Amino acid sequence: MSSGEPNYMRRLVIILASLFFGFTLVIISGWGLIYNPGDGDSWLIWSLRRTPLLLGVILLVTGFVLLRKPVETDPSAPQDDVENMDGA
């Protein structure tokens, strides 16, 4: 496969990994913050405790943005009859 052709499997793995790890980070770090919010922490520790939550949200947004990005047509694939919708 040349570098000009789209790599669908790699894109699918990136989307699934970002969604999976994003949801996992949000759930685990969110429950950790609910269980022990650490209200008396300094601002540095407070922000470090919320870093996994922020990273999870960034991964989720990245996964959904990549999911919404249009897929290029593969030039090596044969043309379908999808473009010819009138049945001729």
Protein backbone atom coordinates (compact mmCIF):
# COMPACT_ATOMS: atom_id res chain seq x y z
CA MET A 1 0.00 0.00 0.00
CA SER A 2 1.50 3.31 -1.01
CA SER A 3 1.57 6.32 1.24
CA GLY A 4 -1.04 8.15 -0.88
CA GLU A 5 -3.78 5.61 -0.24
CA PRO A 6 -5.90 5.78 2.93
CA ASN A 7 -5.23 3.21 5.62
CA TYR A 8 -8.69 2.31 6.91
CA MET A 9 -7.60 -0.23 9.51
CA ARG A 10 -5.14 2.17 11.13
CA ARG A 11 -7.83 4.85 11.29
CA LEU A 12 -10.32 2.42 12.81
CA VAL A 13 -7.81 1.33 15.47
CA ILE A 14 -7.03 4.96 16.36
CA ILE A 15 -10.76 5.79 16.66
CA LEU A 16 -11.55 2.72 18.78
CA ALA A 17 -8.51 3.19 21.01
CA SER A 18 -9.20 6.86 21.62
CA LEU A 19 -12.86 6.20 22.44
CA PHE A 20 -12.05 3.22 24.69
CA PHE A 21 -9.21 4.88 26.59
CA GLY A 22 -11.09 8.18 26.77
CA PHE A 23 -14.17 6.59 28.33
CA THR A 24 -11.98 4.55 30.67
CA LEU A 25 -10.03 7.59 31.87
CA VAL A 26 -13.17 9.66 32.36
CA ILE A 27 -14.93 6.92 34.34
CA ILE A 28 -11.99 5.89 36.54
CA SER A 29 -10.69 9.38 37.27
CA GLY A 30 -14.22 10.74 37.69
CA TRP A 31 -15.08 8.14 40.30
CA GLY A 32 -11.75 8.77 41.99
CA LEU A 33 -12.54 12.47 42.23
CA ILE A 34 -16.03 11.74 43.56
CA TYR A 35 -14.67 9.32 46.17
CA ASN A 36 -11.82 11.59 47.29
CA PRO A 37 -12.13 15.15 45.94
CA GLY A 38 -9.10 16.48 47.81
CA ASP A 39 -10.56 19.89 48.56
CA GLY A 40 -7.66 20.86 50.80
CA ASP A 41 -4.97 20.21 48.18
CA SER A 42 -2.72 22.92 46.78
CA TRP A 43 -3.50 24.25 43.31
CA LEU A 44 -0.71 22.17 41.73
CA ILE A 45 -1.94 18.90 43.22
CA TRP A 46 -5.55 19.90 42.47
CA SER A 47 -4.72 20.40 38.78
CA LEU A 48 -2.60 17.22 38.59
CA ARG A 49 -5.49 15.19 39.99
CA ARG A 50 -7.73 16.47 37.20
CA THR A 51 -5.21 15.87 34.39
CA PRO A 52 -6.40 12.28 33.64
CA LEU A 53 -9.98 13.53 33.41
CA LEU A 54 -8.94 16.26 30.98
CA LEU A 55 -6.88 13.77 28.95
CA GLY A 56 -9.89 11.43 28.76
CA VAL A 57 -12.11 14.22 27.48
CA ILE A 58 -9.50 15.17 24.88
CA LEU A 59 -9.28 11.54 23.73
CA LEU A 60 -13.06 11.30 23.47
CA VAL A 61 -13.30 14.48 21.43
CA THR A 62 -10.48 13.27 19.17
CA GLY A 63 -12.23 9.95 18.59
CA PHE A 64 -15.53 11.60 17.70
CA VAL A 65 -13.82 14.14 15.42
CA LEU A 66 -12.02 11.34 13.56
CA LEU A 67 -15.28 9.40 13.37
CA ARG A 68 -17.03 12.36 11.73
CA LYS A 69 -14.17 13.04 9.29
CA PRO A 70 -15.12 11.91 5.77
CA VAL A 71 -13.35 8.87 4.35
CA GLU A 72 -11.56 9.31 1.06
CA THR A 73 -12.43 7.00 -1.81
CA ASP A 74 -9.98 4.19 -2.40
CA PRO A 75 -8.61 4.49 -5.96
CA SER A 76 -7.72 0.78 -6.08
CA ALA A 77 -11.30 -0.34 -5.37
CA PRO A 78 -13.62 -0.99 -8.35
CA GLN A 79 -16.43 1.48 -8.97
CA ASP A 80 -19.76 0.49 -7.47
CA ASP A 81 -23.22 0.94 -8.84
CA VAL A 82 -23.89 3.23 -5.88
CA GLU A 83 -23.06 6.27 -8.03
CA ASN A 84 -25.45 5.04 -10.68
CA MET A 85 -28.67 5.27 -8.67
CA ASP A 86 -31.06 5.49 -11.62
CA GLY A 87 -30.63 1.77 -12.35
CA ALA A 88 -29.31 2.13 -15.88
